[in-house]
Amino acid sequence: MKNYKTVLCILCFFACSTGFSQSRDTLIQLYNTQTIYHYGNKYIKGNQKLSYQDLRLEFTAPETREMYKKSKRRLIISRAFNVASLAIIITSVFTKTNVTGSIEFAASTGVLGLAGIYYQTQSSKFVERALWERNREVLDERFSH
């Protein structure tokens, strides 16, 4: 009788582990094909490369769409500061000034460069958070039913 109980327990264990492995395989497949991750200056979804602009089509939930919009606004502000900083550098090369003028050009270039870095960092934080939320939604959507 003890052997029958042991065999029954072993059969139940294998039946449960097989069911779990199928859902695990489904989860891995879903993760590999539907989630998006950042790789260099591109984003990867499955075997497809996405640009920053392509991401806007991936955010369907209002929260993630809003985070993407905030990221895009901060990226535009960052680029404006960086272009202004570059313009000051070019202006300083062609302008003949005394030492004080050169220091002012250098200081303004530094301030604008730091502002550009700040907004670039903020933009990255928002898009990374939006991607994290989107990936969580994709995985929850499939396994919460």
N, C-alpha and C. Protein backbone atom coordinates (compact mmCIF):
# COMPACT_ATOMS: atom_id res chain seq x y z
N MET A 1 0.82 -1.20 0.00
CA MET A 1 0.00 0.00 0.00
C MET A 1 0.87 1.26 0.00
N LYS A 2 1.97 1.18 0.73
CA LYS A 2 2.87 2.31 0.80
C LYS A 2 3.48 2.62 -0.57
N ASN A 3 3.77 1.60 -1.36
CA ASN A 3 4.32 1.80 -2.70
C ASN A 3 3.33 2.49 -3.62
N TYR A 4 2.04 2.17 -3.49
CA TYR A 4 1.02 2.82 -4.31
C TYR A 4 0.92 4.31 -4.00
N LYS A 5 1.04 4.65 -2.73
CA LYS A 5 0.99 6.06 -2.34
C LYS A 5 2.20 6.81 -2.89
N THR A 6 3.35 6.17 -2.84
CA THR A 6 4.56 6.78 -3.37
C THR A 6 4.45 7.00 -4.87
N VAL A 7 3.98 5.98 -5.58
CA VAL A 7 3.80 6.10 -7.03
C VAL A 7 2.79 7.18 -7.35
N LEU A 8 1.71 7.25 -6.60
CA LEU A 8 0.68 8.27 -6.81
C LEU A 8 1.25 9.67 -6.57
N CYS A 9 2.06 9.82 -5.53
CA CYS A 9 2.67 11.13 -5.25
C CYS A 9 3.63 11.53 -6.37
N ILE A 10 4.40 10.57 -6.85
CA ILE A 10 5.34 10.86 -7.94
C ILE A 10 4.60 11.26 -9.20
N LEU A 11 3.50 10.56 -9.53
CA LEU A 11 2.70 10.91 -10.71
C LEU A 11 2.10 12.30 -10.58
N CYS A 12 1.61 12.62 -9.40
CA CYS A 12 1.04 13.97 -9.18
C CYS A 12 2.12 15.04 -9.34
N PHE A 13 3.30 14.77 -8.82
CA PHE A 13 4.40 15.72 -8.94
C PHE A 13 4.75 15.98 -10.40
N PHE A 14 4.87 14.93 -11.20
CA PHE A 14 5.21 15.11 -12.62
C PHE A 14 4.09 15.81 -13.38
N ALA A 15 2.86 15.51 -13.05
CA ALA A 15 1.73 16.17 -13.72
C ALA A 15 1.73 17.66 -13.42
N CYS A 16 1.99 18.01 -12.17
CA CYS A 16 2.03 19.43 -11.79
C CYS A 16 3.22 20.14 -12.42
N SER A 17 4.36 19.49 -12.43
CA SER A 17 5.54 20.14 -13.00
C SER A 17 5.42 20.33 -14.50
N THR A 18 4.75 19.41 -15.20
CA THR A 18 4.54 19.56 -16.64
C THR A 18 3.63 20.75 -16.92
N GLY A 19 2.57 20.89 -16.16
CA GLY A 19 1.67 22.04 -16.34
C GLY A 19 2.37 23.34 -16.08
N PHE A 20 3.24 23.37 -15.05
CA PHE A 20 3.98 24.59 -14.74
C PHE A 20 4.98 24.91 -15.84
N SER A 21 5.64 23.90 -16.37
CA SER A 21 6.65 24.17 -17.39
C SER A 21 6.01 24.71 -18.67
N GLN A 22 4.79 24.30 -18.98
CA GLN A 22 4.13 24.85 -20.17
C GLN A 22 3.84 26.32 -19.98
N SER A 23 3.35 26.70 -18.81
CA SER A 23 3.09 28.12 -18.59
C SER A 23 4.41 28.90 -18.52
N ARG A 24 5.45 28.27 -18.01
CA ARG A 24 6.76 28.92 -17.97
C ARG A 24 7.29 29.13 -19.38
N ASP A 25 7.13 28.12 -20.25
CA ASP A 25 7.57 28.26 -21.64
C ASP A 25 6.79 29.37 -22.33
N THR A 26 5.50 29.46 -22.06
CA THR A 26 4.68 30.52 -22.63
C THR A 26 5.16 31.88 -22.15
N LEU A 27 5.48 31.96 -20.87
CA LEU A 27 5.99 33.22 -20.31
C LEU A 27 7.31 33.62 -20.97
N ILE A 28 8.21 32.68 -21.14
CA ILE A 28 9.49 32.97 -21.77
C ILE A 28 9.29 33.42 -23.22
N GLN A 29 8.40 32.74 -23.94
CA GLN A 29 8.14 33.12 -25.33
C GLN A 29 7.53 34.52 -25.39
N LEU A 30 6.58 34.80 -24.51
CA LEU A 30 5.97 36.12 -24.47
C LEU A 30 7.01 37.18 -24.12
N TYR A 31 7.85 36.88 -23.16
CA TYR A 31 8.90 37.83 -22.77
C TYR A 31 9.84 38.10 -23.94
N ASN A 32 10.24 37.06 -24.65
CA ASN A 32 11.19 37.22 -25.76
C ASN A 32 10.60 37.92 -26.97
N THR A 33 9.30 37.82 -27.19
CA THR A 33 8.71 38.39 -28.40
C THR A 33 7.98 39.71 -28.18
N GLN A 34 7.47 39.96 -26.99
CA GLN A 34 6.62 41.13 -26.79
C GLN A 34 7.20 42.23 -25.91
N THR A 35 8.20 41.92 -25.11
CA THR A 35 8.75 42.97 -24.25
C THR A 35 9.79 43.79 -25.03
N ILE A 36 9.98 45.00 -24.59
CA ILE A 36 10.91 45.93 -25.24
C ILE A 36 12.02 46.25 -24.25
N TYR A 37 13.25 46.25 -24.73
CA TYR A 37 14.36 46.67 -23.89
C TYR A 37 15.27 47.61 -24.67
N HIS A 38 16.03 48.38 -23.91
CA HIS A 38 16.91 49.41 -24.45
C HIS A 38 18.26 48.78 -24.75
N TYR A 39 18.76 48.99 -25.96
CA TYR A 39 20.06 48.45 -26.36
C TYR A 39 20.80 49.54 -27.13
N GLY A 40 21.73 50.20 -26.47
CA GLY A 40 22.44 51.32 -27.11
C GLY A 40 21.49 52.47 -27.34
N ASN A 41 21.44 52.96 -28.58
CA ASN A 41 20.51 54.04 -28.89
C ASN A 41 19.26 53.52 -29.59
N LYS A 42 19.06 52.21 -29.58
CA LYS A 42 17.87 51.58 -30.17
C LYS A 42 17.11 50.82 -29.10
N TYR A 43 15.94 50.40 -29.45
CA TYR A 43 15.11 49.58 -28.59
C TYR A 43 14.80 48.30 -29.34
N ILE A 44 14.74 47.19 -28.63
CA ILE A 44 14.54 45.88 -29.25
C ILE A 44 13.23 45.28 -28.75
N LYS A 45 12.42 44.82 -29.69
CA LYS A 45 11.19 44.08 -29.38
C LYS A 45 11.23 42.81 -30.23
N GLY A 46 11.45 41.67 -29.57
CA GLY A 46 11.61 40.43 -30.32
C GLY A 46 12.86 40.53 -31.18
N ASN A 47 12.70 40.36 -32.48
CA ASN A 47 13.82 40.49 -33.42
C ASN A 47 13.80 41.82 -34.15
N GLN A 48 12.98 42.73 -33.70
CA GLN A 48 12.77 43.99 -34.40
C GLN A 48 13.45 45.14 -33.66
N LYS A 49 14.16 45.99 -34.40
CA LYS A 49 14.77 47.19 -33.82
C LYS A 49 13.77 48.33 -33.94
N LEU A 50 13.62 49.07 -32.85
CA LEU A 50 12.72 50.22 -32.84
C LEU A 50 13.52 51.47 -32.53
N SER A 51 13.16 52.56 -33.16
CA SER A 51 13.78 53.84 -32.82
C SER A 51 12.96 54.48 -31.70
N TYR A 52 13.45 55.58 -31.18
CA TYR A 52 12.73 56.29 -30.13
C TYR A 52 11.33 56.70 -30.62
N GLN A 53 11.23 57.15 -31.88
CA GLN A 53 9.95 57.56 -32.43
C GLN A 53 9.00 56.38 -32.60
N ASP A 54 9.53 55.19 -32.90
CA ASP A 54 8.69 54.01 -33.06
C ASP A 54 8.02 53.60 -31.75
N LEU A 55 8.60 54.00 -30.63
CA LEU A 55 8.06 53.61 -29.34
C LEU A 55 6.66 54.18 -29.10
N ARG A 56 6.35 55.31 -29.69
CA ARG A 56 5.05 55.94 -29.43
C ARG A 56 3.90 55.02 -29.78
N LEU A 57 4.08 54.14 -30.76
CA LEU A 57 3.02 53.21 -31.14
C LEU A 57 2.88 52.05 -30.15
N GLU A 58 3.87 51.84 -29.34
CA GLU A 58 3.87 50.71 -28.40
C GLU A 58 3.17 51.04 -27.09
N PHE A 59 3.03 52.31 -26.78
CA PHE A 59 2.42 52.70 -25.51
C PHE A 59 0.93 52.92 -25.70
N THR A 60 0.14 51.95 -25.29
CA THR A 60 -1.30 52.03 -25.49
C THR A 60 -2.03 52.48 -24.23
N ALA A 61 -1.50 52.19 -23.08
CA ALA A 61 -2.14 52.60 -21.83
C ALA A 61 -1.93 54.10 -21.63
N PRO A 62 -2.92 54.79 -21.08
CA PRO A 62 -2.78 56.25 -20.89
C PRO A 62 -1.58 56.65 -20.03
N GLU A 63 -1.28 55.86 -18.99
CA GLU A 63 -0.17 56.21 -18.11
C GLU A 63 1.17 56.13 -18.85
N THR A 64 1.37 55.05 -19.59
CA THR A 64 2.64 54.90 -20.30
C THR A 64 2.75 55.89 -21.46
N ARG A 65 1.63 56.17 -22.10
CA ARG A 65 1.64 57.16 -23.19
C ARG A 65 2.02 58.53 -22.65
N GLU A 66 1.51 58.87 -21.46
CA GLU A 66 1.82 60.16 -20.85
C GLU A 66 3.30 60.23 -20.45
N MET A 67 3.84 59.13 -19.92
CA MET A 67 5.27 59.10 -19.58
C MET A 67 6.13 59.28 -20.83
N TYR A 68 5.72 58.65 -21.93
CA TYR A 68 6.46 58.80 -23.18
C TYR A 68 6.42 60.26 -23.66
N LYS A 69 5.25 60.89 -23.55
CA LYS A 69 5.14 62.30 -23.96
C LYS A 69 6.03 63.20 -23.10
N LYS A 70 6.07 62.94 -21.79
CA LYS A 70 6.95 63.72 -20.91
C LYS A 70 8.40 63.51 -21.30
N SER A 71 8.75 62.28 -21.62
CA SER A 71 10.11 61.97 -22.04
C SER A 71 10.46 62.72 -23.32
N LYS A 72 9.53 62.73 -24.26
CA LYS A 72 9.78 63.40 -25.54
C LYS A 72 9.94 64.92 -25.35
N ARG A 73 9.10 65.51 -24.49
CA ARG A 73 9.22 66.96 -24.22
C ARG A 73 10.58 67.29 -23.61
N ARG A 74 11.00 66.48 -22.65
CA ARG A 74 12.29 66.73 -22.01
C ARG A 74 13.45 66.51 -22.99
N LEU A 75 13.29 65.57 -23.89
CA LEU A 75 14.33 65.35 -24.91
C LEU A 75 14.44 66.55 -25.84
N ILE A 76 13.31 67.14 -26.21
CA ILE A 76 13.33 68.33 -27.07
C ILE A 76 13.99 69.50 -26.34
N ILE A 77 13.66 69.67 -25.06
CA ILE A 77 14.28 70.74 -24.27
C ILE A 77 15.79 70.51 -24.17
N SER A 78 16.18 69.26 -23.94
CA SER A 78 17.60 68.91 -23.86
C SER A 78 18.33 69.27 -25.14
N ARG A 79 17.74 68.93 -26.26
CA ARG A 79 18.37 69.24 -27.54
C ARG A 79 18.48 70.74 -27.77
N ALA A 80 17.46 71.48 -27.33
CA ALA A 80 17.51 72.93 -27.48
C ALA A 80 18.68 73.52 -26.67
N PHE A 81 18.85 73.05 -25.43
CA PHE A 81 19.98 73.52 -24.62
C PHE A 81 21.32 73.15 -25.26
N ASN A 82 21.40 71.94 -25.80
CA ASN A 82 22.66 71.51 -26.43
C ASN A 82 22.97 72.32 -27.68
N VAL A 83 21.96 72.65 -28.47
CA VAL A 83 22.18 73.47 -29.67
C VAL A 83 22.58 74.89 -29.26
N ALA A 84 21.92 75.41 -28.23
CA ALA A 84 22.28 76.76 -27.75
C ALA A 84 23.72 76.78 -27.25
N SER A 85 24.12 75.72 -26.55
CA SER A 85 25.50 75.63 -26.06
C SER A 85 26.48 75.60 -27.23
N LEU A 86 26.16 74.84 -28.25
CA LEU A 86 27.00 74.78 -29.45
C LEU A 86 27.06 76.13 -30.15
N ALA A 87 25.93 76.81 -30.20
CA ALA A 87 25.89 78.14 -30.84
C ALA A 87 26.80 79.12 -30.09
N ILE A 88 26.82 79.03 -28.78
CA ILE A 88 27.68 79.93 -28.00
C ILE A 88 29.15 79.61 -28.26
N ILE A 89 29.46 78.32 -28.38
CA ILE A 89 30.85 77.95 -28.67
C ILE A 89 31.27 78.52 -30.03
N ILE A 90 30.42 78.37 -31.02
CA ILE A 90 30.74 78.88 -32.36
C ILE A 90 30.86 80.41 -32.33
N THR A 91 29.95 81.06 -31.61
CA THR A 91 30.00 82.52 -31.50
C THR A 91 31.29 82.96 -30.82
N SER A 92 31.69 82.25 -29.78
CA SER A 92 32.91 82.65 -29.06
C SER A 92 34.16 82.51 -29.92
N VAL A 93 34.14 81.56 -30.86
CA VAL A 93 35.29 81.39 -31.75
C VAL A 93 35.43 82.58 -32.68
N PHE A 94 34.32 83.08 -33.17
CA PHE A 94 34.37 84.17 -34.15
C PHE A 94 34.29 85.56 -33.54
N THR A 95 34.10 85.64 -32.24
CA THR A 95 34.01 86.94 -31.58
C THR A 95 35.33 87.24 -30.88
N LYS A 96 35.82 88.43 -31.14
CA LYS A 96 37.06 88.85 -30.48
C LYS A 96 36.66 89.61 -29.21
N THR A 97 36.96 88.98 -28.07
CA THR A 97 36.62 89.61 -26.79
C THR A 97 37.84 89.57 -25.89
N ASN A 98 37.72 90.28 -24.79
CA ASN A 98 38.79 90.24 -23.80
C ASN A 98 38.64 88.97 -22.95
N VAL A 99 39.44 88.86 -21.92
CA VAL A 99 39.44 87.67 -21.07
C VAL A 99 38.08 87.48 -20.39
N THR A 100 37.49 88.57 -19.92
CA THR A 100 36.20 88.48 -19.24
C THR A 100 35.13 87.95 -20.18
N GLY A 101 35.14 88.40 -21.41
CA GLY A 101 34.18 87.91 -22.40
C GLY A 101 34.34 86.42 -22.66
N SER A 102 35.58 85.98 -22.72
CA SER A 102 35.85 84.55 -22.94
C SER A 102 35.35 83.72 -21.77
N ILE A 103 35.55 84.22 -20.56
CA ILE A 103 35.07 83.51 -19.37
C ILE A 103 33.55 83.44 -19.38
N GLU A 104 32.90 84.53 -19.78
CA GLU A 104 31.44 84.54 -19.85
C GLU A 104 30.93 83.53 -20.88
N PHE A 105 31.60 83.47 -22.03
CA PHE A 105 31.21 82.48 -23.04
C PHE A 105 31.37 81.06 -22.49
N ALA A 106 32.48 80.80 -21.83
CA ALA A 106 32.74 79.47 -21.28
C ALA A 106 31.72 79.11 -20.21
N ALA A 107 31.41 80.07 -19.33
CA ALA A 107 30.45 79.82 -18.26
C ALA A 107 29.06 79.54 -18.83
N SER A 108 28.65 80.32 -19.80
CA SER A 108 27.32 80.11 -20.38
C SER A 108 27.25 78.78 -21.13
N THR A 109 28.34 78.41 -21.78
CA THR A 109 28.39 77.10 -22.45
C THR A 109 28.25 75.98 -21.42
N GLY A 110 28.95 76.11 -20.31
CA GLY A 110 28.87 75.10 -19.25
C GLY A 110 27.49 74.99 -18.65
N VAL A 111 26.86 76.12 -18.38
CA VAL A 111 25.51 76.11 -17.79
C VAL A 111 24.51 75.48 -18.75
N LEU A 112 24.58 75.89 -20.01
CA LEU A 112 23.65 75.31 -20.99
C LEU A 112 23.91 73.81 -21.20
N GLY A 113 25.18 73.42 -21.18
CA GLY A 113 25.51 72.00 -21.31
C GLY A 113 24.97 71.19 -20.14
N LEU A 114 25.12 71.70 -18.92
CA LEU A 114 24.59 71.01 -17.74
C LEU A 114 23.06 70.92 -17.78
N ALA A 115 22.42 71.98 -18.22
CA ALA A 115 20.96 71.94 -18.34
C ALA A 115 20.54 70.88 -19.37
N GLY A 116 21.27 70.80 -20.47
CA GLY A 116 20.98 69.79 -21.48
C GLY A 116 21.14 68.38 -20.93
N ILE A 117 22.20 68.16 -20.14
CA ILE A 117 22.42 66.85 -19.53
C ILE A 117 21.29 66.51 -18.55
N TYR A 118 20.88 67.50 -17.76
CA TYR A 118 19.80 67.27 -16.80
C TYR A 118 18.52 66.83 -17.52
N TYR A 119 18.12 67.56 -18.55
CA TYR A 119 16.89 67.21 -19.25
C TYR A 119 17.01 65.89 -20.02
N GLN A 120 18.20 65.58 -20.52
CA GLN A 120 18.42 64.30 -21.18
C GLN A 120 18.24 63.14 -20.18
N THR A 121 18.77 63.33 -18.98
CA THR A 121 18.63 62.31 -17.94
C THR A 121 17.17 62.13 -17.55
N GLN A 122 16.46 63.24 -17.40
CA GLN A 122 15.04 63.15 -17.07
C GLN A 122 14.26 62.44 -18.18
N SER A 123 14.59 62.74 -19.41
CA SER A 123 13.94 62.08 -20.55
C SER A 123 14.17 60.58 -20.51
N SER A 124 15.40 60.18 -20.25
CA SER A 124 15.73 58.75 -20.17
C SER A 124 14.98 58.07 -19.04
N LYS A 125 14.87 58.72 -17.91
CA LYS A 125 14.15 58.13 -16.78
C LYS A 125 12.68 57.90 -17.12
N PHE A 126 12.06 58.86 -17.77
CA PHE A 126 10.65 58.70 -18.11
C PHE A 126 10.42 57.59 -19.13
N VAL A 127 11.26 57.51 -20.15
CA VAL A 127 11.05 56.48 -21.17
C VAL A 127 11.36 55.09 -20.60
N GLU A 128 12.36 54.99 -19.73
CA GLU A 128 12.68 53.70 -19.12
C GLU A 128 11.54 53.24 -18.20
N ARG A 129 10.97 54.16 -17.46
CA ARG A 129 9.83 53.84 -16.59
C ARG A 129 8.62 53.43 -17.43
N ALA A 130 8.39 54.13 -18.52
CA ALA A 130 7.28 53.78 -19.41
C ALA A 130 7.47 52.39 -20.01
N LEU A 131 8.69 52.06 -20.40
CA LEU A 131 8.97 50.73 -20.93
C LEU A 131 8.75 49.66 -19.86
N TRP A 132 9.19 49.93 -18.65
CA TRP A 132 9.02 48.97 -17.57
C TRP A 132 7.53 48.72 -17.32
N GLU A 133 6.75 49.79 -17.26
CA GLU A 133 5.30 49.66 -17.06
C GLU A 133 4.65 48.91 -18.22
N ARG A 134 5.04 49.22 -19.43
CA ARG A 134 4.47 48.56 -20.60
C ARG A 134 4.79 47.07 -20.60
N ASN A 135 6.04 46.73 -20.30
CA ASN A 135 6.41 45.32 -20.26
C ASN A 135 5.64 44.58 -19.16
N ARG A 136 5.46 45.23 -18.03
CA ARG A 136 4.69 44.61 -16.95
C ARG A 136 3.25 44.39 -17.38
N GLU A 137 2.66 45.37 -18.06
CA GLU A 137 1.29 45.23 -18.56
C GLU A 137 1.17 44.07 -19.54
N VAL A 138 2.14 43.94 -20.43
CA VAL A 138 2.12 42.85 -21.42
C VAL A 138 2.13 41.51 -20.72
N LEU A 139 2.98 41.35 -19.73
CA LEU A 139 3.08 40.08 -19.02
C LEU A 139 1.88 39.84 -18.11
N ASP A 140 1.39 40.89 -17.44
CA ASP A 140 0.21 40.75 -16.58
C ASP A 140 -1.03 40.42 -17.39
N GLU A 141 -1.15 41.03 -18.54
CA GLU A 141 -2.31 40.83 -19.41
C GLU A 141 -2.48 39.36 -19.76
N ARG A 142 -1.38 38.70 -20.03
CA ARG A 142 -1.42 37.30 -20.45
C ARG A 142 -1.66 36.36 -19.28
N PHE A 143 -1.11 36.66 -18.11
CA PHE A 143 -1.15 35.70 -17.01
C PHE A 143 -2.11 36.08 -15.90
N SER A 144 -2.84 37.15 -16.03
CA SER A 144 -3.78 37.52 -14.97
C SER A 144 -5.17 36.91 -15.19
N HIS A 145 -5.38 36.29 -16.34
CA HIS A 145 -6.70 35.71 -16.62
C HIS A 145 -6.85 34.37 -15.97
